[in-house]
Amino acid sequence: MGLLVFALAFVLIWVLLAALVGEFAEERGHSSALWYVFSLICSPLIGFAVVAGLPSLADLNPAAYRQCAHCSNMVKVEEAICPYCNADLYERQKPEKKAA
């Protein structure tokens, strides 16, 4: 009976630590499901070490580019209109017509 309780506690702690690795990966911009499964199969400690060693996705994007809110493509910061979807990147308010 004691061995069964120990095994269940061990599995529960393993799954919780793997979930924490998934959350850590999501904070850094990586796929949380991928790293959760990796940590379940391999080890939460190894999963945490690998995710901590990976560069954050924010670090991989050049500073001169940003993501278009409409089509999610990378465009230059100085662009006013997205070259892919022609969306207004500054979303300027258009003047409203008022009734006379």
PDB file of N, CA and C in Angstrom:
ATOM      1  N   MET A   1       0.821  -1.194   0.000  1.00  0.00           N
ATOM      2  CA  MET A   1       0.000   0.000   0.000  1.00  0.00           C
ATOM      3  C   MET A   1       0.865   1.257   0.000  1.00  0.00           C
ATOM      4  N   GLY A   2       1.926   1.245   0.813  1.00  0.00           N
ATOM      5  CA  GLY A   2       2.809   2.403   0.891  1.00  0.00           C
ATOM      6  C   GLY A   2       3.531   2.659  -0.420  1.00  0.00           C
ATOM      7  N   LEU A   3       3.879   1.594  -1.128  1.00  0.00           N
ATOM      8  CA  LEU A   3       4.557   1.736  -2.410  1.00  0.00           C
ATOM      9  C   LEU A   3       3.621   2.338  -3.460  1.00  0.00           C
ATOM     10  N   LEU A   4       2.355   1.972  -3.415  1.00  0.00           N
ATOM     11  CA  LEU A   4       1.378   2.509  -4.343  1.00  0.00           C
ATOM     12  C   LEU A   4       1.173   4.010  -4.125  1.00  0.00           C
ATOM     13  N   VAL A   5       1.096   4.427  -2.869  1.00  0.00           N
ATOM     14  CA  VAL A   5       0.938   5.850  -2.549  1.00  0.00           C
ATOM     15  C   VAL A   5       2.170   6.622  -3.010  1.00  0.00           C
ATOM     16  N   PHE A   6       3.342   6.069  -2.793  1.00  0.00           N
ATOM     17  CA  PHE A   6       4.577   6.714  -3.235  1.00  0.00           C
ATOM     18  C   PHE A   6       4.602   6.854  -4.756  1.00  0.00           C
ATOM     19  N   ALA A   7       4.208   5.798  -5.471  1.00  0.00           N
ATOM     20  CA  ALA A   7       4.209   5.833  -6.937  1.00  0.00           C
ATOM     21  C   ALA A   7       3.210   6.870  -7.457  1.00  0.00           C
ATOM     22  N   LEU A   8       2.032   6.941  -6.874  1.00  0.00           N
ATOM     23  CA  LEU A   8       1.039   7.922  -7.291  1.00  0.00           C
ATOM     24  C   LEU A   8       1.511   9.343  -7.011  1.00  0.00           C
ATOM     25  N   ALA A   9       2.141   9.552  -5.866  1.00  0.00           N
ATOM     26  CA  ALA A   9       2.661  10.877  -5.532  1.00  0.00           C
ATOM     27  C   ALA A   9       3.780  11.257  -6.497  1.00  0.00           C
ATOM     28  N   PHE A  10       4.623  10.316  -6.835  1.00  0.00           N
ATOM     29  CA  PHE A  10       5.719  10.575  -7.765  1.00  0.00           C
ATOM     30  C   PHE A  10       5.186  10.967  -9.144  1.00  0.00           C
ATOM     31  N   VAL A  11       4.193  10.245  -9.629  1.00  0.00           N
ATOM     32  CA  VAL A  11       3.603  10.542 -10.940  1.00  0.00           C
ATOM     33  C   VAL A  11       2.920  11.897 -10.916  1.00  0.00           C
ATOM     34  N   LEU A  12       2.210  12.216  -9.853  1.00  0.00           N
ATOM     35  CA  LEU A  12       1.531  13.506  -9.749  1.00  0.00           C
ATOM     36  C   LEU A  12       2.538  14.655  -9.757  1.00  0.00           C
ATOM     37  N   ILE A  13       3.606  14.525  -9.012  1.00  0.00           N
ATOM     38  CA  ILE A  13       4.640  15.561  -8.982  1.00  0.00           C
ATOM     39  C   ILE A  13       5.314  15.682 -10.347  1.00  0.00           C
ATOM     40  N   TRP A  14       5.563  14.572 -11.018  1.00  0.00           N
ATOM     41  CA  TRP A  14       6.174  14.580 -12.349  1.00  0.00           C
ATOM     42  C   TRP A  14       5.301  15.348 -13.338  1.00  0.00           C
ATOM     43  N   VAL A  15       3.995  15.082 -13.321  1.00  0.00           N
ATOM     44  CA  VAL A  15       3.064  15.753 -14.236  1.00  0.00           C
ATOM     45  C   VAL A  15       2.979  17.244 -13.912  1.00  0.00           C
ATOM     46  N   LEU A  16       2.938  17.608 -12.641  1.00  0.00           N
ATOM     47  CA  LEU A  16       2.883  19.022 -12.269  1.00  0.00           C
ATOM     48  C   LEU A  16       4.151  19.772 -12.685  1.00  0.00           C
ATOM     49  N   LEU A  17       5.305  19.159 -12.496  1.00  0.00           N
ATOM     50  CA  LEU A  17       6.551  19.797 -12.924  1.00  0.00           C
ATOM     51  C   LEU A  17       6.621  19.927 -14.449  1.00  0.00           C
ATOM     52  N   ALA A  18       6.103  18.931 -15.169  1.00  0.00           N
ATOM     53  CA  ALA A  18       6.064  19.023 -16.635  1.00  0.00           C
ATOM     54  C   ALA A  18       5.136  20.152 -17.069  1.00  0.00           C
ATOM     55  N   ALA A  19       4.031  20.355 -16.355  1.00  0.00           N
ATOM     56  CA  ALA A  19       3.127  21.464 -16.660  1.00  0.00           C
ATOM     57  C   ALA A  19       3.816  22.804 -16.411  1.00  0.00           C
ATOM     58  N   LEU A  20       4.623  22.891 -15.368  1.00  0.00           N
ATOM     59  CA  LEU A  20       5.373  24.122 -15.109  1.00  0.00           C
ATOM     60  C   LEU A  20       6.385  24.405 -16.212  1.00  0.00           C
ATOM     61  N   VAL A  21       6.988  23.372 -16.749  1.00  0.00           N
ATOM     62  CA  VAL A  21       7.909  23.553 -17.880  1.00  0.00           C
ATOM     63  C   VAL A  21       7.141  24.086 -19.083  1.00  0.00           C
ATOM     64  N   GLY A  22       5.928  23.574 -19.324  1.00  0.00           N
ATOM     65  CA  GLY A  22       5.101  24.072 -20.418  1.00  0.00           C
ATOM     66  C   GLY A  22       4.740  25.532 -20.231  1.00  0.00           C
ATOM     67  N   GLU A  23       4.408  25.937 -19.011  1.00  0.00           N
ATOM     68  CA  GLU A  23       4.084  27.343 -18.731  1.00  0.00           C
ATOM     69  C   GLU A  23       5.315  28.231 -18.932  1.00  0.00           C
ATOM     70  N   PHE A  24       6.467  27.754 -18.495  1.00  0.00           N
ATOM     71  CA  PHE A  24       7.710  28.515 -18.666  1.00  0.00           C
ATOM     72  C   PHE A  24       8.022  28.700 -20.147  1.00  0.00           C
ATOM     73  N   ALA A  25       7.806  27.636 -20.936  1.00  0.00           N
ATOM     74  CA  ALA A  25       8.045  27.724 -22.378  1.00  0.00           C
ATOM     75  C   ALA A  25       7.082  28.713 -23.020  1.00  0.00           C
ATOM     76  N   GLU A  26       5.830  28.731 -22.574  1.00  0.00           N
ATOM     77  CA  GLU A  26       4.850  29.661 -23.137  1.00  0.00           C
ATOM     78  C   GLU A  26       5.210  31.112 -22.817  1.00  0.00           C
ATOM     79  N   GLU A  27       5.737  31.366 -21.620  1.00  0.00           N
ATOM     80  CA  GLU A  27       6.174  32.714 -21.254  1.00  0.00           C
ATOM     81  C   GLU A  27       7.308  33.195 -22.156  1.00  0.00           C
ATOM     82  N   ARG A  28       8.139  32.269 -22.596  1.00  0.00           N
ATOM     83  CA  ARG A  28       9.260  32.629 -23.458  1.00  0.00           C
ATOM     84  C   ARG A  28       8.878  32.635 -24.928  1.00  0.00           C
ATOM     85  N   GLY A  29       7.607  32.336 -25.233  1.00  0.00           N
ATOM     86  CA  GLY A  29       7.119  32.418 -26.597  1.00  0.00           C
ATOM     87  C   GLY A  29       7.190  31.127 -27.382  1.00  0.00           C
ATOM     88  N   HIS A  30       7.448  30.015 -26.747  1.00  0.00           N
ATOM     89  CA  HIS A  30       7.541  28.731 -27.434  1.00  0.00           C
ATOM     90  C   HIS A  30       6.265  27.931 -27.224  1.00  0.00           C
ATOM     91  N   SER A  31       6.128  26.839 -27.951  1.00  0.00           N
ATOM     92  CA  SER A  31       4.954  25.985 -27.854  1.00  0.00           C
ATOM     93  C   SER A  31       4.934  25.273 -26.510  1.00  0.00           C
ATOM     94  N   SER A  32       3.917  25.553 -25.710  1.00  0.00           N
ATOM     95  CA  SER A  32       3.860  24.954 -24.382  1.00  0.00           C
ATOM     96  C   SER A  32       3.537  23.458 -24.462  1.00  0.00           C
ATOM     97  N   ALA A  33       2.700  23.049 -25.411  1.00  0.00           N
ATOM     98  CA  ALA A  33       2.327  21.640 -25.514  1.00  0.00           C
ATOM     99  C   ALA A  33       3.531  20.775 -25.885  1.00  0.00           C
ATOM    100  N   LEU A  34       4.353  21.274 -26.778  1.00  0.00           N
ATOM    101  CA  LEU A  34       5.535  20.518 -27.183  1.00  0.00           C
ATOM    102  C   LEU A  34       6.466  20.273 -26.003  1.00  0.00           C
ATOM    103  N   TRP A  35       6.732  21.305 -25.232  1.00  0.00           N
ATOM    104  CA  TRP A  35       7.655  21.166 -24.108  1.00  0.00           C
ATOM    105  C   TRP A  35       7.024  20.421 -22.944  1.00  0.00           C
ATOM    106  N   TYR A  36       5.714  20.471 -22.818  1.00  0.00           N
ATOM    107  CA  TYR A  36       5.022  19.677 -21.795  1.00  0.00           C
ATOM    108  C   TYR A  36       5.201  18.190 -22.084  1.00  0.00           C
ATOM    109  N   VAL A  37       4.967  17.797 -23.339  1.00  0.00           N
ATOM    110  CA  VAL A  37       5.112  16.390 -23.719  1.00  0.00           C
ATOM    111  C   VAL A  37       6.573  15.957 -23.610  1.00  0.00           C
ATOM    112  N   PHE A  38       7.493  16.813 -24.026  1.00  0.00           N
ATOM    113  CA  PHE A  38       8.913  16.498 -23.912  1.00  0.00           C
ATOM    114  C   PHE A  38       9.289  16.246 -22.452  1.00  0.00           C
ATOM    115  N   SER A  39       8.768  17.079 -21.549  1.00  0.00           N
ATOM    116  CA  SER A  39       9.086  16.929 -20.133  1.00  0.00           C
ATOM    117  C   SER A  39       8.437  15.696 -19.530  1.00  0.00           C
ATOM    118  N   LEU A  40       7.266  15.335 -20.018  1.00  0.00           N
ATOM    119  CA  LEU A  40       6.628  14.111 -19.534  1.00  0.00           C
ATOM    120  C   LEU A  40       7.434  12.888 -19.925  1.00  0.00           C
ATOM    121  N   ILE A  41       7.913  12.875 -21.159  1.00  0.00           N
ATOM    122  CA  ILE A  41       8.644  11.709 -21.659  1.00  0.00           C
ATOM    123  C   ILE A  41      10.055  11.654 -21.096  1.00  0.00           C
ATOM    124  N   CYS A  42      10.749  12.764 -21.138  1.00  0.00           N
ATOM    125  CA  CYS A  42      12.158  12.803 -20.756  1.00  0.00           C
ATOM    126  C   CYS A  42      12.306  13.047 -19.255  1.00  0.00           C
ATOM    127  N   SER A  43      12.210  14.279 -18.854  1.00  0.00           N
ATOM    128  CA  SER A  43      12.313  14.653 -17.452  1.00  0.00           C
ATOM    129  C   SER A  43      11.983  16.136 -17.333  1.00  0.00           C
ATOM    130  N   PRO A  44      11.212  16.529 -16.314  1.00  0.00           N
ATOM    131  CA  PRO A  44      10.940  17.952 -16.144  1.00  0.00           C
ATOM    132  C   PRO A  44      12.209  18.782 -15.937  1.00  0.00           C
ATOM    133  N   LEU A  45      13.200  18.220 -15.277  1.00  0.00           N
ATOM    134  CA  LEU A  45      14.447  18.942 -15.043  1.00  0.00           C
ATOM    135  C   LEU A  45      15.181  19.192 -16.355  1.00  0.00           C
ATOM    136  N   ILE A  46      15.254  18.180 -17.206  1.00  0.00           N
ATOM    137  CA  ILE A  46      15.900  18.347 -18.504  1.00  0.00           C
ATOM    138  C   ILE A  46      15.088  19.300 -19.374  1.00  0.00           C
ATOM    139  N   GLY A  47      13.751  19.193 -19.335  1.00  0.00           N
ATOM    140  CA  GLY A  47      12.898  20.095 -20.094  1.00  0.00           C
ATOM    141  C   GLY A  47      13.089  21.539 -19.681  1.00  0.00           C
ATOM    142  N   PHE A  48      13.162  21.782 -18.375  1.00  0.00           N
ATOM    143  CA  PHE A  48      13.385  23.140 -17.886  1.00  0.00           C
ATOM    144  C   PHE A  48      14.741  23.672 -18.334  1.00  0.00           C
ATOM    145  N   ALA A  49      15.772  22.841 -18.278  1.00  0.00           N
ATOM    146  CA  ALA A  49      17.111  23.271 -18.680  1.00  0.00           C
ATOM    147  C   ALA A  49      17.161  23.607 -20.170  1.00  0.00           C
ATOM    148  N   VAL A  50      16.486  22.799 -20.993  1.00  0.00           N
ATOM    149  CA  VAL A  50      16.492  23.053 -22.437  1.00  0.00           C
ATOM    150  C   VAL A  50      15.727  24.332 -22.762  1.00  0.00           C
ATOM    151  N   VAL A  51      14.552  24.520 -22.152  1.00  0.00           N
ATOM    152  CA  VAL A  51      13.760  25.723 -22.415  1.00  0.00           C
ATOM    153  C   VAL A  51      14.495  26.964 -21.924  1.00  0.00           C
ATOM    154  N   ALA A  52      15.156  26.863 -20.787  1.00  0.00           N
ATOM    155  CA  ALA A  52      15.909  28.007 -20.268  1.00  0.00           C
ATOM    156  C   ALA A  52      17.079  28.360 -21.181  1.00  0.00           C
ATOM    157  N   GLY A  53      17.630  27.373 -21.865  1.00  0.00           N
ATOM    158  CA  GLY A  53      18.749  27.619 -22.770  1.00  0.00           C
ATOM    159  C   GLY A  53      18.335  28.163 -24.122  1.00  0.00           C
ATOM    160  N   LEU A  54      17.066  27.998 -24.491  1.00  0.00           N
ATOM    161  CA  LEU A  54      16.596  28.511 -25.776  1.00  0.00           C
ATOM    162  C   LEU A  54      16.412  30.018 -25.715  1.00  0.00           C
ATOM    163  N   PRO A  55      16.701  30.715 -26.807  1.00  0.00           N
ATOM    164  CA  PRO A  55      16.432  32.161 -26.808  1.00  0.00           C
ATOM    165  C   PRO A  55      14.934  32.406 -26.872  1.00  0.00           C
ATOM    166  N   SER A  56      14.509  33.473 -26.266  1.00  0.00           N
ATOM    167  CA  SER A  56      13.109  33.862 -26.308  1.00  0.00           C
ATOM    168  C   SER A  56      12.768  34.293 -27.728  1.00  0.00           C
ATOM    169  N   LEU A  57      11.522  34.093 -28.141  1.00  0.00           N
ATOM    170  CA  LEU A  57      11.144  34.484 -29.499  1.00  0.00           C
ATOM    171  C   LEU A  57      11.192  35.991 -29.680  1.00  0.00           C
ATOM    172  N   ALA A  58      11.035  36.759 -28.616  1.00  0.00           N
ATOM    173  CA  ALA A  58      11.164  38.217 -28.708  1.00  0.00           C
ATOM    174  C   ALA A  58      12.611  38.596 -29.037  1.00  0.00           C
ATOM    175  N   ASP A  59      13.560  37.796 -28.576  1.00  0.00           N
ATOM    176  CA  ASP A  59      14.967  38.066 -28.887  1.00  0.00           C
ATOM    177  C   ASP A  59      15.302  37.744 -30.341  1.00  0.00           C
ATOM    178  N   LEU A  60      14.545  36.848 -30.948  1.00  0.00           N
ATOM    179  CA  LEU A  60      14.832  36.437 -32.322  1.00  0.00           C
ATOM    180  C   LEU A  60      14.277  37.412 -33.351  1.00  0.00           C
ATOM    181  N   ASN A  61      13.251  38.197 -32.993  1.00  0.00           N
ATOM    182  CA  ASN A  61      12.704  39.187 -33.918  1.00  0.00           C
ATOM    183  C   ASN A  61      13.607  40.401 -33.953  1.00  0.00           C
ATOM    184  N   PRO A  62      14.006  40.838 -35.133  1.00  0.00           N
ATOM    185  CA  PRO A  62      14.836  42.044 -35.208  1.00  0.00           C
ATOM    186  C   PRO A  62      14.066  43.259 -34.698  1.00  0.00           C
ATOM    187  N   ALA A  63      14.793  44.225 -34.153  1.00  0.00           N
ATOM    188  CA  ALA A  63      14.160  45.412 -33.585  1.00  0.00           C
ATOM    189  C   ALA A  63      13.546  46.299 -34.662  1.00  0.00           C
ATOM    190  N   ALA A  64      13.982  46.162 -35.891  1.00  0.00           N
ATOM    191  CA  ALA A  64      13.481  47.005 -36.968  1.00  0.00           C
ATOM    192  C   ALA A  64      12.164  46.478 -37.546  1.00  0.00           C
ATOM    193  N   TYR A  65      11.645  45.377 -37.023  1.00  0.00           N
ATOM    194  CA  TYR A  65      10.420  44.785 -37.534  1.00  0.00           C
ATOM    195  C   TYR A  65       9.405  44.643 -36.414  1.00  0.00           C
ATOM    196  N   ARG A  66       8.129  44.597 -36.805  1.00  0.00           N
ATOM    197  CA  ARG A  66       7.052  44.325 -35.861  1.00  0.00           C
ATOM    198  C   ARG A  66       6.027  43.461 -36.574  1.00  0.00           C
ATOM    199  N   GLN A  67       5.121  42.906 -35.809  1.00  0.00           N
ATOM    200  CA  GLN A  67       4.129  42.007 -36.356  1.00  0.00           C
ATOM    201  C   GLN A  67       2.849  42.768 -36.694  1.00  0.00           C
ATOM    202  N   CYS A  68       2.325  42.548 -37.873  1.00  0.00           N
ATOM    203  CA  CYS A  68       1.065  43.169 -38.281  1.00  0.00           C
ATOM    204  C   CYS A  68      -0.060  42.564 -37.455  1.00  0.00           C
ATOM    205  N   ALA A  69      -0.927  43.403 -36.916  1.00  0.00           N
ATOM    206  CA  ALA A  69      -2.025  42.929 -36.075  1.00  0.00           C
ATOM    207  C   ALA A  69      -3.107  42.220 -36.880  1.00  0.00           C
ATOM    208  N   HIS A  70      -3.128  42.422 -38.182  1.00  0.00           N
ATOM    209  CA  HIS A  70      -4.188  41.858 -39.009  1.00  0.00           C
ATOM    210  C   HIS A  70      -3.801  40.535 -39.665  1.00  0.00           C
ATOM    211  N   CYS A  71      -2.574  40.449 -40.201  1.00  0.00           N
ATOM    212  CA  CYS A  71      -2.176  39.232 -40.920  1.00  0.00           C
ATOM    213  C   CYS A  71      -1.024  38.485 -40.249  1.00  0.00           C
ATOM    214  N   SER A  72      -0.441  39.037 -39.203  1.00  0.00           N
ATOM    215  CA  SER A  72       0.639  38.423 -38.416  1.00  0.00           C
ATOM    216  C   SER A  72       1.961  38.287 -39.160  1.00  0.00           C
ATOM    217  N   ASN A  73       2.125  38.955 -40.277  1.00  0.00           N
ATOM    218  CA  ASN A  73       3.410  38.969 -40.978  1.00  0.00           C
ATOM    219  C   ASN A  73       4.315  40.032 -40.370  1.00  0.00           C
ATOM    220  N   MET A  74       5.623  39.849 -40.533  1.00  0.00           N
ATOM    221  CA  MET A  74       6.588  40.812 -40.018  1.00  0.00           C
ATOM    222  C   MET A  74       6.778  41.927 -41.041  1.00  0.00           C
ATOM    223  N   VAL A  75       6.608  43.168 -40.579  1.00  0.00           N
ATOM    224  CA  VAL A  75       6.782  44.343 -41.441  1.00  0.00           C
ATOM    225  C   VAL A  75       7.750  45.305 -40.769  1.00  0.00           C
ATOM    226  N   LYS A  76       8.355  46.164 -41.551  1.00  0.00           N
ATOM    227  CA  LYS A  76       9.281  47.145 -40.998  1.00  0.00           C
ATOM    228  C   LYS A  76       8.529  48.129 -40.111  1.00  0.00           C
ATOM    229  N   VAL A  77       9.205  48.630 -39.095  1.00  0.00           N
ATOM    230  CA  VAL A  77       8.587  49.536 -38.134  1.00  0.00           C
ATOM    231  C   VAL A  77       8.113  50.813 -38.803  1.00  0.00           C
ATOM    232  N   GLU A  78       8.865  51.310 -39.772  1.00  0.00           N
ATOM    233  CA  GLU A  78       8.509  52.587 -40.389  1.00  0.00           C
ATOM    234  C   GLU A  78       7.362  52.478 -41.402  1.00  0.00           C
ATOM    235  N   GLU A  79       6.914  51.270 -41.719  1.00  0.00           N
ATOM    236  CA  GLU A  79       5.806  51.088 -42.661  1.00  0.00           C
ATOM    237  C   GLU A  79       4.503  51.571 -42.034  1.00  0.00           C
ATOM    238  N   ALA A  80       3.732  52.324 -42.798  1.00  0.00           N
ATOM    239  CA  ALA A  80       2.425  52.790 -42.325  1.00  0.00           C
ATOM    240  C   ALA A  80       1.316  51.844 -42.761  1.00  0.00           C
ATOM    241  N   ILE A  81       1.538  51.141 -43.883  1.00  0.00           N
ATOM    242  CA  ILE A  81       0.557  50.202 -44.408  1.00  0.00           C
ATOM    243  C   ILE A  81       1.246  48.860 -44.622  1.00  0.00           C
ATOM    244  N   CYS A  82       0.605  47.804 -44.192  1.00  0.00           N
ATOM    245  CA  CYS A  82       1.170  46.456 -44.332  1.00  0.00           C
ATOM    246  C   CYS A  82       1.252  46.090 -45.808  1.00  0.00           C
ATOM    247  N   PRO A  83       2.430  45.657 -46.294  1.00  0.00           N
ATOM    248  CA  PRO A  83       2.548  45.299 -47.709  1.00  0.00           C
ATOM    249  C   PRO A  83       1.841  43.992 -48.057  1.00  0.00           C
ATOM    250  N   TYR A  84       1.452  43.210 -47.070  1.00  0.00           N
ATOM    251  CA  TYR A  84       0.818  41.921 -47.312  1.00  0.00           C
ATOM    252  C   TYR A  84      -0.704  42.013 -47.356  1.00  0.00           C
ATOM    253  N   CYS A  85      -1.294  42.734 -46.380  1.00  0.00           N
ATOM    254  CA  CYS A  85      -2.756  42.798 -46.306  1.00  0.00           C
ATOM    255  C   CYS A  85      -3.303  44.212 -46.494  1.00  0.00           C
ATOM    256  N   ASN A  86      -2.424  45.181 -46.706  1.00  0.00           N
ATOM    257  CA  ASN A  86      -2.790  46.590 -46.927  1.00  0.00           C
ATOM    258  C   ASN A  86      -3.570  47.195 -45.763  1.00  0.00           C
ATOM    259  N   ALA A  87      -3.341  46.703 -44.570  1.00  0.00           N
ATOM    260  CA  ALA A  87      -4.011  47.252 -43.395  1.00  0.00           C
ATOM    261  C   ALA A  87      -3.242  48.466 -42.887  1.00  0.00           C
ATOM    262  N   ASP A  88      -3.970  49.418 -42.326  1.00  0.00           N
ATOM    263  CA  ASP A  88      -3.353  50.609 -41.742  1.00  0.00           C
ATOM    264  C   ASP A  88      -2.728  50.192 -40.409  1.00  0.00           C
ATOM    265  N   LEU A  89      -1.405  50.262 -40.319  1.00  0.00           N
ATOM    266  CA  LEU A  89      -0.712  49.784 -39.124  1.00  0.00           C
ATOM    267  C   LEU A  89      -0.829  50.736 -37.944  1.00  0.00           C
ATOM    268  N   TYR A  90      -1.110  51.986 -38.217  1.00  0.00           N
ATOM    269  CA  TYR A  90      -1.267  52.947 -37.131  1.00  0.00           C
ATOM    270  C   TYR A  90      -2.720  53.106 -36.727  1.00  0.00           C
ATOM    271  N   GLU A  91      -3.615  52.534 -37.515  1.00  0.00           N
ATOM    272  CA  GLU A  91      -5.053  52.561 -37.261  1.00  0.00           C
ATOM    273  C   GLU A  91      -5.532  53.947 -36.883  1.00  0.00           C
ATOM    274  N   ARG A  92      -5.253  54.864 -37.770  1.00  0.00           N
ATOM    275  CA  ARG A  92      -5.694  56.239 -37.543  1.00  0.00           C
ATOM    276  C   ARG A  92      -7.205  56.302 -37.599  1.00  0.00           C
ATOM    277  N   GLN A  93      -7.767  57.093 -36.748  1.00  0.00           N
ATOM    278  CA  GLN A  93      -9.220  57.256 -36.714  1.00  0.00           C
ATOM    279  C   GLN A  93      -9.649  58.104 -37.894  1.00  0.00           C
ATOM    280  N   LYS A  94     -10.638  57.630 -38.593  1.00  0.00           N
ATOM    281  CA  LYS A  94     -11.190  58.375 -39.708  1.00  0.00           C
ATOM    282  C   LYS A  94     -12.233  59.343 -39.159  1.00  0.00           C
ATOM    283  N   PRO A  95     -12.252  60.563 -39.668  1.00  0.00           N
ATOM    284  CA  PRO A  95     -13.237  61.512 -39.139  1.00  0.00           C
ATOM    285  C   PRO A  95     -14.662  61.057 -39.427  1.00  0.00           C
ATOM    286  N   GLU A  96     -15.486  61.177 -38.406  1.00  0.00           N
ATOM    287  CA  GLU A  96     -16.880  60.775 -38.560  1.00  0.00           C
ATOM    288  C   GLU A  96     -17.684  61.902 -39.181  1.00  0.00           C
ATOM    289  N   LYS A  97     -18.633  61.530 -39.996  1.00  0.00           N
ATOM    290  CA  LYS A  97     -19.514  62.535 -40.577  1.00  0.00           C
ATOM    291  C   LYS A  97     -20.621  62.843 -39.575  1.00  0.00           C
ATOM    292  N   LYS A  98     -20.796  64.103 -39.307  1.00  0.00           N
ATOM    293  CA  LYS A  98     -21.825  64.501 -38.371  1.00  0.00           C
ATOM    294  C   LYS A  98     -23.049  64.996 -39.130  1.00  0.00           C
ATOM    295  N   ALA A  99     -24.186  64.681 -38.605  1.00  0.00           N
ATOM    296  CA  ALA A  99     -25.435  65.135 -39.238  1.00  0.00           C
ATOM    297  C   ALA A  99     -25.588  66.626 -39.017  1.00  0.00           C
ATOM    298  N   ALA A 100     -26.151  67.303 -40.015  1.00  0.00           N
ATOM    299  CA  ALA A 100     -26.309  68.757 -39.924  1.00  0.00           C
ATOM    300  C   ALA A 100     -27.462  69.159 -39.059  1.00  0.00           C
TER     301      ALA A 100
END
